[in-house]
Amino acid sequence: MHSFKPFYEDYHKNRLLPKRIIGKKDFTYRNIVEVLDKFCLRGKVLDIGSGVGTLDFYLAQKGRQVIGIEISQKAVDVARQSQRLLGVSKKLRFIRGDFFQLKTKEQFAFVICSEVLEHLQDDQAAIKKIYTLIKSQGQLLITVPSQNAPLIKLGAIKKFDQISGHLRRYTLDSLKLLLEENKFKVIY
């Protein structure tokens, strides 16, 4: 996983500090926020590939304790600065690291893996690792790029996938199979 580090440092090099916390009206995040509001109701949260902390700030504002783990030091630096500016310092902790190397006996009530799996060489190993991090009855929110997106069918974003480090896309069935093969039950 460490071979991806230079890619993500470059990806985050020009990131600006978020000036506000996202909400239900944000077009980009409205579906994720809806799921978080419905399912992420209590307990500690782990955000794998937390980037600059966008989802984490939202959850901290709602009172959740959140740990974000991110491979890019630049993204973690931006997240930590934003954390102070947005006034959510007490509920958040950002760690620079590879989640495969995360050494903790702690398990989480809710794990977020948003727009991460498609970047990982071994998505099967990632799901297995995530399973060890979730409490019994805990929940996992995964978002991935769709193989069935209209622009994919037109061949219009193949270059985007290459530039953004996407190794694959998923269908609903392929993602469901990956999860079920690794002891997860799909509920939404």
N, C-alpha and C. Protein backbone atom coordinates (compact mmCIF):
# COMPACT_ATOMS: atom_id res chain seq x y z
N MET A 1 0.80 -1.19 0.00
CA MET A 1 0.00 0.00 0.00
C MET A 1 0.85 1.27 0.00
N HIS A 2 2.06 1.19 0.52
CA HIS A 2 2.88 2.39 0.62
C HIS A 2 3.30 2.94 -0.74
N SER A 3 3.25 2.14 -1.80
CA SER A 3 3.62 2.64 -3.12
C SER A 3 2.63 3.69 -3.62
N PHE A 4 1.44 3.76 -3.03
CA PHE A 4 0.44 4.75 -3.43
C PHE A 4 0.68 6.10 -2.75
N LYS A 5 1.50 6.14 -1.71
CA LYS A 5 1.68 7.36 -0.93
C LYS A 5 2.06 8.57 -1.79
N PRO A 6 3.03 8.49 -2.70
CA PRO A 6 3.36 9.68 -3.51
C PRO A 6 2.16 10.16 -4.34
N PHE A 7 1.36 9.25 -4.85
CA PHE A 7 0.17 9.62 -5.63
C PHE A 7 -0.76 10.48 -4.78
N TYR A 8 -1.03 10.05 -3.55
CA TYR A 8 -1.97 10.77 -2.70
C TYR A 8 -1.40 12.05 -2.14
N GLU A 9 -0.10 12.11 -1.91
CA GLU A 9 0.52 13.37 -1.50
C GLU A 9 0.33 14.40 -2.62
N ASP A 10 0.54 13.97 -3.86
CA ASP A 10 0.36 14.86 -4.99
C ASP A 10 -1.11 15.25 -5.15
N TYR A 11 -2.00 14.30 -4.97
CA TYR A 11 -3.44 14.54 -5.10
C TYR A 11 -3.91 15.61 -4.11
N HIS A 12 -3.38 15.60 -2.91
CA HIS A 12 -3.83 16.52 -1.86
C HIS A 12 -2.97 17.79 -1.74
N LYS A 13 -1.97 17.96 -2.60
CA LYS A 13 -1.01 19.05 -2.40
C LYS A 13 -1.64 20.45 -2.45
N ASN A 14 -2.70 20.63 -3.20
CA ASN A 14 -3.32 21.96 -3.30
C ASN A 14 -4.65 22.05 -2.57
N ARG A 15 -4.89 21.15 -1.64
CA ARG A 15 -6.15 21.15 -0.89
C ARG A 15 -6.27 22.39 -0.04
N LEU A 16 -7.45 22.97 -0.07
CA LEU A 16 -7.74 24.14 0.75
C LEU A 16 -8.47 23.70 2.01
N LEU A 17 -8.41 24.54 3.02
CA LEU A 17 -9.12 24.24 4.26
C LEU A 17 -10.62 24.36 4.02
N PRO A 18 -11.39 23.35 4.44
CA PRO A 18 -12.85 23.51 4.37
C PRO A 18 -13.27 24.68 5.26
N LYS A 19 -14.17 25.51 4.75
CA LYS A 19 -14.59 26.70 5.49
C LYS A 19 -15.88 26.46 6.27
N ARG A 20 -16.53 25.34 6.00
CA ARG A 20 -17.77 25.03 6.70
C ARG A 20 -17.96 23.52 6.73
N ILE A 21 -18.88 23.08 7.55
CA ILE A 21 -19.20 21.66 7.66
C ILE A 21 -20.32 21.35 6.67
N ILE A 22 -20.20 20.24 5.96
CA ILE A 22 -21.22 19.87 4.98
C ILE A 22 -22.56 19.61 5.66
N GLY A 23 -23.60 19.57 4.84
CA GLY A 23 -24.95 19.28 5.34
C GLY A 23 -25.78 18.57 4.30
N LYS A 24 -27.05 18.41 4.59
CA LYS A 24 -27.96 17.66 3.72
C LYS A 24 -28.17 18.32 2.36
N LYS A 25 -27.89 19.61 2.26
CA LYS A 25 -28.13 20.32 1.01
C LYS A 25 -26.92 20.29 0.07
N ASP A 26 -25.81 19.75 0.53
CA ASP A 26 -24.62 19.66 -0.32
C ASP A 26 -24.82 18.56 -1.35
N PHE A 27 -24.85 18.94 -2.62
CA PHE A 27 -25.14 17.99 -3.70
C PHE A 27 -24.21 16.79 -3.66
N THR A 28 -22.93 17.03 -3.52
CA THR A 28 -21.95 15.95 -3.57
C THR A 28 -22.13 14.95 -2.44
N TYR A 29 -22.54 15.42 -1.28
CA TYR A 29 -22.57 14.56 -0.09
C TYR A 29 -23.97 14.19 0.39
N ARG A 30 -25.01 14.65 -0.28
CA ARG A 30 -26.37 14.49 0.28
C ARG A 30 -26.75 13.03 0.53
N ASN A 31 -26.38 12.12 -0.37
CA ASN A 31 -26.73 10.70 -0.18
C ASN A 31 -25.96 10.09 0.99
N ILE A 32 -24.69 10.43 1.11
CA ILE A 32 -23.89 9.89 2.22
C ILE A 32 -24.40 10.45 3.55
N VAL A 33 -24.71 11.73 3.59
CA VAL A 33 -25.22 12.35 4.81
C VAL A 33 -26.53 11.69 5.22
N GLU A 34 -27.38 11.39 4.25
CA GLU A 34 -28.65 10.71 4.54
C GLU A 34 -28.40 9.35 5.20
N VAL A 35 -27.45 8.59 4.67
CA VAL A 35 -27.12 7.27 5.25
C VAL A 35 -26.51 7.44 6.64
N LEU A 36 -25.61 8.39 6.79
CA LEU A 36 -25.00 8.63 8.11
C LEU A 36 -26.07 8.99 9.14
N ASP A 37 -27.00 9.85 8.76
CA ASP A 37 -28.06 10.25 9.69
C ASP A 37 -28.97 9.08 10.06
N LYS A 38 -29.12 8.15 9.15
CA LYS A 38 -30.01 7.00 9.39
C LYS A 38 -29.34 5.90 10.22
N PHE A 39 -28.04 5.65 9.96
CA PHE A 39 -27.39 4.48 10.55
C PHE A 39 -26.29 4.78 11.57
N CYS A 40 -25.63 5.90 11.44
CA CYS A 40 -24.50 6.20 12.34
C CYS A 40 -25.01 6.98 13.55
N LEU A 41 -25.60 6.25 14.48
CA LEU A 41 -26.32 6.89 15.57
C LEU A 41 -25.57 6.91 16.90
N ARG A 42 -24.64 5.99 17.10
CA ARG A 42 -23.92 5.94 18.38
C ARG A 42 -22.60 5.20 18.21
N GLY A 43 -21.75 5.35 19.19
CA GLY A 43 -20.48 4.64 19.19
C GLY A 43 -19.40 5.34 18.39
N LYS A 44 -18.19 4.80 18.50
CA LYS A 44 -17.03 5.37 17.81
C LYS A 44 -17.06 5.02 16.33
N VAL A 45 -16.53 5.95 15.54
CA VAL A 45 -16.50 5.82 14.09
C VAL A 45 -15.05 5.81 13.61
N LEU A 46 -14.76 4.94 12.64
CA LEU A 46 -13.47 4.94 11.95
C LEU A 46 -13.73 5.29 10.50
N ASP A 47 -13.02 6.30 9.99
CA ASP A 47 -13.13 6.68 8.59
C ASP A 47 -11.83 6.32 7.90
N ILE A 48 -11.89 5.32 7.03
CA ILE A 48 -10.72 4.84 6.30
C ILE A 48 -10.57 5.66 5.03
N GLY A 49 -9.41 6.28 4.85
CA GLY A 49 -9.21 7.15 3.70
C GLY A 49 -9.97 8.45 3.91
N SER A 50 -9.78 9.04 5.07
CA SER A 50 -10.58 10.19 5.50
C SER A 50 -10.30 11.47 4.72
N GLY A 51 -9.25 11.49 3.92
CA GLY A 51 -8.95 12.69 3.16
C GLY A 51 -8.77 13.88 4.08
N VAL A 52 -9.41 15.00 3.74
CA VAL A 52 -9.30 16.21 4.56
C VAL A 52 -10.36 16.28 5.65
N GLY A 53 -11.09 15.18 5.87
CA GLY A 53 -11.99 15.08 7.01
C GLY A 53 -13.42 15.53 6.79
N THR A 54 -13.83 15.71 5.57
CA THR A 54 -15.16 16.25 5.27
C THR A 54 -16.29 15.54 6.00
N LEU A 55 -16.35 14.21 5.89
CA LEU A 55 -17.41 13.45 6.56
C LEU A 55 -17.21 13.45 8.07
N ASP A 56 -15.97 13.46 8.50
CA ASP A 56 -15.65 13.41 9.93
C ASP A 56 -16.12 14.67 10.66
N PHE A 57 -15.97 15.82 10.01
CA PHE A 57 -16.44 17.07 10.62
C PHE A 57 -17.95 17.03 10.80
N TYR A 58 -18.64 16.51 9.81
CA TYR A 58 -20.10 16.40 9.90
C TYR A 58 -20.49 15.54 11.09
N LEU A 59 -19.85 14.37 11.22
CA LEU A 59 -20.18 13.46 12.31
C LEU A 59 -19.80 14.03 13.68
N ALA A 60 -18.65 14.69 13.76
CA ALA A 60 -18.23 15.29 15.03
C ALA A 60 -19.22 16.36 15.47
N GLN A 61 -19.71 17.13 14.51
CA GLN A 61 -20.71 18.16 14.81
C GLN A 61 -21.98 17.51 15.39
N LYS A 62 -22.27 16.28 14.96
CA LYS A 62 -23.44 15.55 15.45
C LYS A 62 -23.16 14.82 16.76
N GLY A 63 -21.93 14.95 17.28
CA GLY A 63 -21.59 14.35 18.56
C GLY A 63 -20.88 13.01 18.51
N ARG A 64 -20.56 12.52 17.31
CA ARG A 64 -19.85 11.24 17.20
C ARG A 64 -18.37 11.43 17.50
N GLN A 65 -17.76 10.41 18.10
CA GLN A 65 -16.31 10.34 18.27
C GLN A 65 -15.77 9.69 17.00
N VAL A 66 -14.84 10.34 16.32
CA VAL A 66 -14.36 9.87 15.02
C VAL A 66 -12.85 9.81 14.98
N ILE A 67 -12.34 8.73 14.40
CA ILE A 67 -10.92 8.62 14.06
C ILE A 67 -10.86 8.50 12.54
N GLY A 68 -10.10 9.40 11.93
CA GLY A 68 -9.88 9.34 10.49
C GLY A 68 -8.46 8.86 10.24
N ILE A 69 -8.32 7.88 9.36
CA ILE A 69 -6.98 7.41 8.99
C ILE A 69 -6.79 7.68 7.50
N GLU A 70 -5.66 8.28 7.18
CA GLU A 70 -5.40 8.76 5.82
C GLU A 70 -3.93 8.57 5.50
N ILE A 71 -3.64 8.12 4.29
CA ILE A 71 -2.26 7.84 3.90
C ILE A 71 -1.48 9.11 3.56
N SER A 72 -2.18 10.18 3.18
CA SER A 72 -1.51 11.42 2.79
C SER A 72 -1.28 12.35 3.98
N GLN A 73 -0.03 12.67 4.24
CA GLN A 73 0.30 13.61 5.32
C GLN A 73 -0.30 14.98 5.04
N LYS A 74 -0.27 15.41 3.80
CA LYS A 74 -0.84 16.72 3.44
C LYS A 74 -2.33 16.77 3.79
N ALA A 75 -3.07 15.72 3.46
CA ALA A 75 -4.51 15.68 3.77
C ALA A 75 -4.73 15.72 5.28
N VAL A 76 -3.92 14.99 6.03
CA VAL A 76 -4.03 14.97 7.49
C VAL A 76 -3.73 16.36 8.05
N ASP A 77 -2.71 17.03 7.52
CA ASP A 77 -2.38 18.38 7.99
C ASP A 77 -3.55 19.33 7.76
N VAL A 78 -4.16 19.27 6.57
CA VAL A 78 -5.31 20.12 6.27
C VAL A 78 -6.47 19.78 7.20
N ALA A 79 -6.72 18.49 7.41
CA ALA A 79 -7.81 18.06 8.30
C ALA A 79 -7.60 18.58 9.71
N ARG A 80 -6.39 18.51 10.21
CA ARG A 80 -6.11 18.97 11.58
C ARG A 80 -6.29 20.49 11.71
N GLN A 81 -5.86 21.22 10.71
CA GLN A 81 -6.06 22.68 10.73
C GLN A 81 -7.55 23.01 10.70
N SER A 82 -8.28 22.34 9.83
CA SER A 82 -9.72 22.57 9.70
C SER A 82 -10.45 22.20 10.98
N GLN A 83 -10.01 21.14 11.60
CA GLN A 83 -10.60 20.66 12.85
C GLN A 83 -10.62 21.78 13.89
N ARG A 84 -9.52 22.49 14.01
CA ARG A 84 -9.44 23.60 14.96
C ARG A 84 -10.32 24.77 14.52
N LEU A 85 -10.25 25.11 13.25
CA LEU A 85 -11.02 26.25 12.74
C LEU A 85 -12.53 26.03 12.84
N LEU A 86 -12.97 24.78 12.65
CA LEU A 86 -14.40 24.47 12.66
C LEU A 86 -14.93 24.17 14.05
N GLY A 87 -14.04 24.13 15.04
CA GLY A 87 -14.46 23.95 16.42
C GLY A 87 -14.93 22.56 16.78
N VAL A 88 -14.36 21.55 16.15
CA VAL A 88 -14.77 20.16 16.43
C VAL A 88 -13.60 19.33 16.94
N SER A 89 -12.62 19.98 17.54
CA SER A 89 -11.39 19.31 17.96
C SER A 89 -11.58 18.16 18.92
N LYS A 90 -12.51 18.29 19.85
CA LYS A 90 -12.64 17.29 20.91
C LYS A 90 -13.21 15.96 20.44
N LYS A 91 -13.85 15.93 19.32
CA LYS A 91 -14.52 14.72 18.85
C LYS A 91 -13.73 13.97 17.78
N LEU A 92 -12.62 14.54 17.35
CA LEU A 92 -11.90 13.99 16.20
C LEU A 92 -10.43 13.72 16.48
N ARG A 93 -9.94 12.68 15.81
CA ARG A 93 -8.49 12.43 15.81
C ARG A 93 -8.13 11.95 14.41
N PHE A 94 -7.12 12.56 13.83
CA PHE A 94 -6.66 12.15 12.50
C PHE A 94 -5.30 11.48 12.63
N ILE A 95 -5.15 10.36 11.94
CA ILE A 95 -3.92 9.57 11.97
C ILE A 95 -3.39 9.48 10.54
N ARG A 96 -2.10 9.73 10.37
CA ARG A 96 -1.47 9.50 9.07
C ARG A 96 -0.99 8.07 9.07
N GLY A 97 -1.52 7.28 8.14
CA GLY A 97 -1.09 5.90 8.06
C GLY A 97 -1.90 5.08 7.08
N ASP A 98 -1.44 3.88 6.91
CA ASP A 98 -2.07 2.89 6.05
C ASP A 98 -2.97 2.03 6.93
N PHE A 99 -4.24 1.98 6.64
CA PHE A 99 -5.15 1.26 7.53
C PHE A 99 -4.84 -0.22 7.62
N PHE A 100 -4.17 -0.77 6.62
CA PHE A 100 -3.75 -2.18 6.70
C PHE A 100 -2.77 -2.38 7.86
N GLN A 101 -2.03 -1.33 8.20
CA GLN A 101 -1.04 -1.40 9.28
C GLN A 101 -1.60 -0.95 10.63
N LEU A 102 -2.87 -0.56 10.65
CA LEU A 102 -3.48 -0.08 11.89
C LEU A 102 -3.48 -1.16 12.95
N LYS A 103 -2.80 -0.86 14.04
CA LYS A 103 -2.70 -1.81 15.16
C LYS A 103 -3.58 -1.30 16.29
N THR A 104 -4.71 -1.92 16.46
CA THR A 104 -5.60 -1.53 17.54
C THR A 104 -6.45 -2.73 17.95
N LYS A 105 -6.72 -2.82 19.21
CA LYS A 105 -7.64 -3.85 19.69
C LYS A 105 -9.05 -3.28 19.71
N GLU A 106 -9.13 -1.96 19.53
CA GLU A 106 -10.43 -1.29 19.54
C GLU A 106 -11.24 -1.68 18.31
N GLN A 107 -12.53 -1.85 18.52
CA GLN A 107 -13.43 -2.07 17.40
C GLN A 107 -14.42 -0.91 17.37
N PHE A 108 -14.97 -0.67 16.21
CA PHE A 108 -15.78 0.51 15.98
C PHE A 108 -17.23 0.13 15.70
N ALA A 109 -18.13 1.00 16.14
CA ALA A 109 -19.56 0.78 15.90
C ALA A 109 -19.90 1.07 14.44
N PHE A 110 -19.11 1.94 13.81
CA PHE A 110 -19.40 2.34 12.44
C PHE A 110 -18.07 2.59 11.73
N VAL A 111 -17.92 2.05 10.54
CA VAL A 111 -16.72 2.27 9.73
C VAL A 111 -17.15 2.84 8.38
N ILE A 112 -16.45 3.87 7.96
CA ILE A 112 -16.68 4.49 6.65
C ILE A 112 -15.49 4.15 5.76
N CYS A 113 -15.80 3.72 4.55
CA CYS A 113 -14.78 3.47 3.53
C CYS A 113 -15.34 4.05 2.23
N SER A 114 -15.21 5.36 2.09
CA SER A 114 -15.86 6.07 0.99
C SER A 114 -14.84 6.44 -0.09
N GLU A 115 -15.06 5.87 -1.27
CA GLU A 115 -14.21 6.13 -2.44
C GLU A 115 -12.77 5.73 -2.16
N VAL A 116 -12.59 4.54 -1.59
CA VAL A 116 -11.27 4.02 -1.24
C VAL A 116 -10.99 2.67 -1.90
N LEU A 117 -11.94 1.75 -1.83
CA LEU A 117 -11.71 0.37 -2.31
C LEU A 117 -11.19 0.31 -3.73
N GLU A 118 -11.68 1.18 -4.59
CA GLU A 118 -11.29 1.15 -6.00
C GLU A 118 -9.82 1.50 -6.20
N HIS A 119 -9.18 2.05 -5.19
CA HIS A 119 -7.76 2.42 -5.27
C HIS A 119 -6.83 1.34 -4.74
N LEU A 120 -7.38 0.37 -4.04
CA LEU A 120 -6.55 -0.64 -3.37
C LEU A 120 -6.29 -1.84 -4.25
N GLN A 121 -5.05 -2.29 -4.27
CA GLN A 121 -4.66 -3.45 -5.06
C GLN A 121 -5.50 -4.67 -4.70
N ASP A 122 -5.69 -4.91 -3.43
CA ASP A 122 -6.39 -6.11 -2.96
C ASP A 122 -7.64 -5.71 -2.16
N ASP A 123 -8.74 -5.53 -2.87
CA ASP A 123 -9.97 -5.12 -2.19
C ASP A 123 -10.50 -6.20 -1.26
N GLN A 124 -10.23 -7.45 -1.58
CA GLN A 124 -10.64 -8.58 -0.73
C GLN A 124 -9.94 -8.49 0.64
N ALA A 125 -8.64 -8.25 0.63
CA ALA A 125 -7.88 -8.11 1.88
C ALA A 125 -8.37 -6.90 2.67
N ALA A 126 -8.73 -5.83 1.97
CA ALA A 126 -9.24 -4.63 2.64
C ALA A 126 -10.54 -4.94 3.38
N ILE A 127 -11.44 -5.64 2.74
CA ILE A 127 -12.72 -5.98 3.37
C ILE A 127 -12.49 -6.90 4.57
N LYS A 128 -11.57 -7.84 4.44
CA LYS A 128 -11.24 -8.72 5.57
C LYS A 128 -10.70 -7.91 6.76
N LYS A 129 -9.82 -6.96 6.48
CA LYS A 129 -9.25 -6.10 7.53
C LYS A 129 -10.35 -5.26 8.18
N ILE A 130 -11.22 -4.70 7.37
CA ILE A 130 -12.32 -3.88 7.89
C ILE A 130 -13.19 -4.71 8.83
N TYR A 131 -13.43 -5.95 8.46
CA TYR A 131 -14.28 -6.83 9.28
C TYR A 131 -13.71 -6.97 10.70
N THR A 132 -12.39 -7.00 10.81
CA THR A 132 -11.76 -7.13 12.14
C THR A 132 -11.88 -5.86 12.97
N LEU A 133 -12.18 -4.75 12.32
CA LEU A 133 -12.26 -3.45 13.00
C LEU A 133 -13.67 -3.08 13.45
N ILE A 134 -14.65 -3.87 13.05
CA ILE A 134 -16.05 -3.55 13.35
C ILE A 134 -16.56 -4.42 14.48
N LYS A 135 -17.25 -3.77 15.42
CA LYS A 135 -17.89 -4.50 16.52
C LYS A 135 -18.98 -5.41 15.97
N SER A 136 -19.31 -6.43 16.74
CA SER A 136 -20.48 -7.25 16.42
C SER A 136 -21.68 -6.30 16.36
N GLN A 137 -22.48 -6.43 15.36
CA GLN A 137 -23.63 -5.54 15.11
C GLN A 137 -23.20 -4.15 14.65
N GLY A 138 -21.91 -3.96 14.39
CA GLY A 138 -21.46 -2.69 13.86
C GLY A 138 -21.82 -2.58 12.39
N GLN A 139 -21.63 -1.40 11.84
CA GLN A 139 -22.02 -1.17 10.45
C GLN A 139 -20.88 -0.55 9.64
N LEU A 140 -20.95 -0.80 8.34
CA LEU A 140 -19.95 -0.31 7.39
C LEU A 140 -20.66 0.46 6.29
N LEU A 141 -20.18 1.65 6.01
CA LEU A 141 -20.66 2.43 4.87
C LEU A 141 -19.56 2.43 3.83
N ILE A 142 -19.88 1.88 2.65
CA ILE A 142 -18.92 1.87 1.54
C ILE A 142 -19.54 2.63 0.38
N THR A 143 -18.75 3.51 -0.23
CA THR A 143 -19.13 4.08 -1.52
C THR A 143 -17.98 3.80 -2.48
N VAL A 144 -18.35 3.46 -3.69
CA VAL A 144 -17.38 3.14 -4.74
C VAL A 144 -17.91 3.67 -6.07
N PRO A 145 -17.05 3.87 -7.05
CA PRO A 145 -17.54 4.28 -8.36
C PRO A 145 -18.27 3.13 -9.05
N SER A 146 -19.34 3.47 -9.72
CA SER A 146 -20.19 2.47 -10.36
C SER A 146 -19.71 2.10 -11.76
N GLN A 147 -19.69 0.81 -12.02
CA GLN A 147 -19.39 0.31 -13.36
C GLN A 147 -20.53 0.66 -14.32
N ASN A 148 -21.71 0.91 -13.77
CA ASN A 148 -22.90 1.17 -14.60
C ASN A 148 -23.18 2.66 -14.80
N ALA A 149 -22.27 3.51 -14.41
CA ALA A 149 -22.47 4.95 -14.60
C ALA A 149 -22.60 5.24 -16.10
N PRO A 150 -23.52 6.12 -16.48
CA PRO A 150 -23.74 6.41 -17.91
C PRO A 150 -22.48 6.82 -18.65
N LEU A 151 -21.63 7.63 -18.03
CA LEU A 151 -20.41 8.07 -18.72
C LEU A 151 -19.42 6.92 -18.93
N ILE A 152 -19.47 5.91 -18.08
CA ILE A 152 -18.63 4.71 -18.27
C ILE A 152 -19.09 3.98 -19.52
N LYS A 153 -20.39 3.83 -19.65
CA LYS A 153 -20.95 3.12 -20.81
C LYS A 153 -20.59 3.83 -22.11
N LEU A 154 -20.43 5.14 -22.05
CA LEU A 154 -20.04 5.91 -23.23
C LEU A 154 -18.52 5.95 -23.43
N GLY A 155 -17.79 5.42 -22.47
CA GLY A 155 -16.33 5.42 -22.54
C GLY A 155 -15.71 6.78 -22.27
N ALA A 156 -16.48 7.65 -21.64
CA ALA A 156 -16.05 9.04 -21.49
C ALA A 156 -15.14 9.30 -20.29
N ILE A 157 -15.05 8.38 -19.35
CA ILE A 157 -14.23 8.71 -18.17
C ILE A 157 -13.14 7.68 -17.88
N LYS A 158 -12.74 6.96 -18.89
CA LYS A 158 -11.65 6.01 -18.71
C LYS A 158 -10.37 6.73 -18.28
N LYS A 159 -10.10 7.86 -18.90
CA LYS A 159 -8.91 8.63 -18.55
C LYS A 159 -9.01 9.15 -17.11
N PHE A 160 -10.20 9.58 -16.70
CA PHE A 160 -10.40 10.03 -15.32
C PHE A 160 -10.03 8.93 -14.34
N ASP A 161 -10.47 7.70 -14.62
CA ASP A 161 -10.16 6.58 -13.74
C ASP A 161 -8.65 6.37 -13.64
N GLN A 162 -7.96 6.49 -14.76
CA GLN A 162 -6.51 6.32 -14.75
C GLN A 162 -5.82 7.42 -13.94
N ILE A 163 -6.22 8.66 -14.19
CA ILE A 163 -5.61 9.81 -13.51
C ILE A 163 -5.88 9.76 -12.01
N SER A 164 -7.07 9.33 -11.63
CA SER A 164 -7.45 9.34 -10.21
C SER A 164 -7.07 8.06 -9.47
N GLY A 165 -6.37 7.16 -10.15
CA GLY A 165 -5.87 5.97 -9.47
C GLY A 165 -6.89 4.86 -9.26
N HIS A 166 -7.98 4.90 -10.01
CA HIS A 166 -8.99 3.83 -9.89
C HIS A 166 -8.47 2.56 -10.57
N LEU A 167 -8.42 1.50 -9.82
CA LEU A 167 -8.00 0.21 -10.37
C LEU A 167 -9.19 -0.58 -10.89
N ARG A 168 -10.38 -0.23 -10.41
CA ARG A 168 -11.60 -0.94 -10.82
C ARG A 168 -12.81 -0.10 -10.45
N ARG A 169 -13.94 -0.51 -11.00
CA ARG A 169 -15.26 0.00 -10.62
C ARG A 169 -16.10 -1.20 -10.22
N TYR A 170 -17.24 -0.94 -9.62
CA TYR A 170 -18.07 -2.02 -9.10
C TYR A 170 -19.50 -1.91 -9.62
N THR A 171 -20.13 -3.06 -9.77
CA THR A 171 -21.57 -3.10 -9.94
C THR A 171 -22.15 -3.33 -8.55
N LEU A 172 -23.43 -3.13 -8.40
CA LEU A 172 -24.07 -3.41 -7.12
C LEU A 172 -23.87 -4.88 -6.75
N ASP A 173 -24.01 -5.76 -7.74
CA ASP A 173 -23.85 -7.20 -7.49
C ASP A 173 -22.41 -7.56 -7.11
N SER A 174 -21.43 -6.97 -7.78
CA SER A 174 -20.04 -7.33 -7.47
C SER A 174 -19.64 -6.84 -6.08
N LEU A 175 -20.13 -5.67 -5.69
CA LEU A 175 -19.82 -5.16 -4.34
C LEU A 175 -20.53 -6.00 -3.28
N LYS A 176 -21.78 -6.33 -3.55
CA LYS A 176 -22.54 -7.16 -2.60
C LYS A 176 -21.87 -8.52 -2.42
N LEU A 177 -21.42 -9.12 -3.50
CA LEU A 177 -20.74 -10.41 -3.44
C LEU A 177 -19.45 -10.30 -2.62
N LEU A 178 -18.66 -9.27 -2.88
CA LEU A 178 -17.42 -9.05 -2.13
C LEU A 178 -17.69 -8.96 -0.62
N LEU A 179 -18.72 -8.24 -0.26
CA LEU A 179 -19.06 -8.07 1.15
C LEU A 179 -19.58 -9.37 1.77
N GLU A 180 -20.49 -10.03 1.08
CA GLU A 180 -21.09 -11.25 1.62
C GLU A 180 -20.07 -12.39 1.72
N GLU A 181 -19.12 -12.44 0.80
CA GLU A 181 -18.05 -13.45 0.88
C GLU A 181 -17.17 -13.24 2.11
N ASN A 182 -17.24 -12.05 2.68
CA ASN A 182 -16.40 -11.71 3.83
C ASN A 182 -17.23 -11.43 5.08
N LYS A 183 -18.35 -12.13 5.20
CA LYS A 183 -19.18 -12.17 6.42
C LYS A 183 -20.05 -10.95 6.66
N PHE A 184 -20.12 -10.02 5.72
CA PHE A 184 -20.99 -8.86 5.89
C PHE A 184 -22.39 -9.16 5.38
N LYS A 185 -23.36 -8.52 5.99
CA LYS A 185 -24.75 -8.60 5.54
C LYS A 185 -25.11 -7.23 4.99
N VAL A 186 -25.56 -7.17 3.75
CA VAL A 186 -25.91 -5.90 3.12
C VAL A 186 -27.34 -5.54 3.54
N ILE A 187 -27.49 -4.33 4.12
CA ILE A 187 -28.82 -3.94 4.60
C ILE A 187 -29.39 -2.73 3.89
N TYR A 188 -28.60 -2.02 3.12
CA TYR A 188 -29.12 -0.80 2.49
C TYR A 188 -28.43 -0.56 1.17
